[in-house]
Amino acid sequence: MIRPGNDFPVYLYAEAVDMRKSIDGLSVLVEQEMTLSPSMAALFVFCNRGKDKIKILCWERNGFIVWYKRLEKQRFKWPAIDEPLSLSGQELNWLLDGFDLFTNKPHAPVYFDSIS
């Protein structure tokens, strides 16, 4: 799994992306659509329309890295968003593992009058 440091931001691109795009095409989306610099220390995450493929773009000192993950049977739990979304590195790993970050609900609250 990808293990960025605590200060390493992760950005999800809101719309479905044609997975034929590679470094240049994804960099243009980061720069023009997300209005961020593709060479900043961050991970930029893109998903296809079928939600079974993810590409992650990252700049490392002197060049780009692209990670690609294709699921064989399941789908990624991608949020219905209109603009880029920021995640932590841990949340990205949960997303890649299939956890649904966006409909996760906490335990129901418990209320009581006294402890006895």
Protein backbone atom coordinates (compact mmCIF):
# COMPACT_ATOMS: atom_id res chain seq x y z
CA MET A 1 0.00 0.00 0.00
CA ILE A 2 0.92 3.62 -0.38
CA ARG A 3 2.20 5.07 2.86
CA PRO A 4 2.54 8.85 2.56
CA GLY A 5 3.61 10.80 5.62
CA ASN A 6 1.13 12.64 7.78
CA ASP A 7 1.80 15.92 5.96
CA PHE A 8 1.44 14.43 2.47
CA PRO A 9 -1.96 15.51 1.08
CA VAL A 10 -4.17 13.29 -1.06
CA TYR A 11 -6.66 14.80 -3.54
CA LEU A 12 -9.51 12.91 -5.20
CA TYR A 13 -10.57 14.16 -8.62
CA ALA A 14 -14.35 14.51 -8.64
CA GLU A 15 -15.30 13.31 -12.13
CA ALA A 16 -14.77 9.98 -13.89
CA VAL A 17 -11.55 9.87 -15.92
CA ASP A 18 -10.70 8.02 -19.11
CA MET A 19 -8.04 5.53 -17.93
CA ARG A 20 -6.20 5.91 -21.24
CA LYS A 21 -4.87 9.17 -19.81
CA SER A 22 -1.34 8.88 -18.56
CA ILE A 23 1.05 11.32 -16.90
CA ASP A 24 0.56 14.27 -19.27
CA GLY A 25 -3.24 13.98 -19.41
CA LEU A 26 -3.59 13.54 -15.65
CA SER A 27 -1.20 16.44 -14.99
CA VAL A 28 -3.37 18.70 -17.16
CA LEU A 29 -6.43 17.72 -15.09
CA VAL A 30 -4.58 18.53 -11.87
CA GLU A 31 -3.41 21.89 -13.16
CA GLN A 32 -6.48 23.08 -15.05
CA GLU A 33 -9.42 21.39 -13.34
CA MET A 34 -8.17 21.04 -9.77
CA THR A 35 -6.14 24.31 -9.96
CA LEU A 36 -3.22 22.65 -8.16
CA SER A 37 0.37 22.11 -9.18
CA PRO A 38 1.03 18.54 -10.36
CA SER A 39 4.62 18.85 -9.09
CA MET A 40 3.62 19.58 -5.50
CA ALA A 41 4.25 16.93 -2.84
CA ALA A 42 0.82 15.28 -3.03
CA LEU A 43 -1.05 12.29 -4.42
CA PHE A 44 -3.74 12.93 -7.03
CA VAL A 45 -6.29 10.11 -7.30
CA PHE A 46 -8.49 9.44 -10.35
CA CYS A 47 -11.21 6.85 -10.89
CA ASN A 48 -12.93 5.60 -14.05
CA ARG A 49 -16.67 5.63 -14.75
CA GLY A 50 -17.06 1.94 -13.80
CA LYS A 51 -15.30 2.57 -10.47
CA ASP A 52 -13.11 -0.51 -10.93
CA LYS A 53 -9.89 1.31 -11.86
CA ILE A 54 -7.84 3.94 -10.04
CA LYS A 55 -4.77 5.88 -11.10
CA ILE A 56 -2.64 7.85 -8.66
CA LEU A 57 -0.29 10.55 -9.88
CA CYS A 58 2.66 11.73 -7.79
CA TRP A 59 5.73 13.90 -8.41
CA GLU A 60 8.97 12.62 -6.88
CA ARG A 61 12.01 14.93 -7.03
CA ASN A 62 12.78 14.54 -10.75
CA GLY A 63 9.82 12.82 -12.36
CA PHE A 64 6.26 11.57 -12.14
CA ILE A 65 5.05 8.24 -10.78
CA VAL A 66 1.72 6.68 -11.77
CA TRP A 67 0.18 3.85 -9.75
CA TYR A 68 -2.66 1.89 -11.32
CA LYS A 69 -5.04 -0.47 -9.58
CA ARG A 70 -7.71 -2.54 -11.34
CA LEU A 71 -10.27 -4.50 -9.37
CA GLU A 72 -11.37 -7.82 -10.81
CA LYS A 73 -14.82 -8.14 -9.23
CA GLN A 74 -15.69 -5.26 -6.91
CA ARG A 75 -15.96 -1.49 -7.22
CA PHE A 76 -14.27 1.36 -5.38
CA LYS A 77 -16.52 3.35 -3.07
CA TRP A 78 -16.12 6.70 -4.81
CA PRO A 79 -17.92 9.76 -3.43
CA ALA A 80 -20.50 11.73 -5.36
CA ILE A 81 -18.67 15.07 -5.25
CA ASP A 82 -18.53 18.16 -7.45
CA GLU A 83 -15.04 19.37 -6.58
CA PRO A 84 -11.73 17.85 -5.51
CA LEU A 85 -11.74 16.26 -2.07
CA SER A 86 -8.79 16.03 0.30
CA LEU A 87 -8.04 12.81 2.22
CA SER A 88 -5.38 11.61 4.60
CA GLY A 89 -2.96 8.87 3.61
CA GLN A 90 -4.79 6.45 5.92
CA GLU A 91 -8.13 7.27 4.31
CA LEU A 92 -6.62 6.65 0.87
CA ASN A 93 -5.45 3.22 1.99
CA TRP A 94 -8.93 2.46 3.33
CA LEU A 95 -10.44 3.55 0.00
CA LEU A 96 -8.01 1.30 -1.91
CA ASP A 97 -8.91 -1.58 0.42
CA GLY A 98 -12.62 -1.17 -0.37
CA PHE A 99 -13.83 0.62 2.76
CA ASP A 100 -16.64 3.10 2.17
CA LEU A 101 -15.38 6.31 3.77
CA PHE A 102 -18.33 8.39 2.69
CA THR A 103 -21.32 6.55 4.16
CA ASN A 104 -19.53 5.32 7.25
CA LYS A 105 -21.71 5.97 10.26
CA PRO A 106 -20.53 6.10 13.86
CA HIS A 107 -22.04 4.11 16.70
CA ALA A 108 -25.43 5.33 17.80
CA PRO A 109 -25.24 7.68 20.79
CA VAL A 110 -26.23 6.33 24.18
CA TYR A 111 -28.00 8.59 26.65
CA PHE A 112 -28.68 7.87 30.31
CA ASP A 113 -29.71 9.83 33.40
CA SER A 114 -27.41 8.25 35.93
CA ILE A 115 -24.71 5.66 36.28
CA SER A 116 -25.75 2.76 38.47
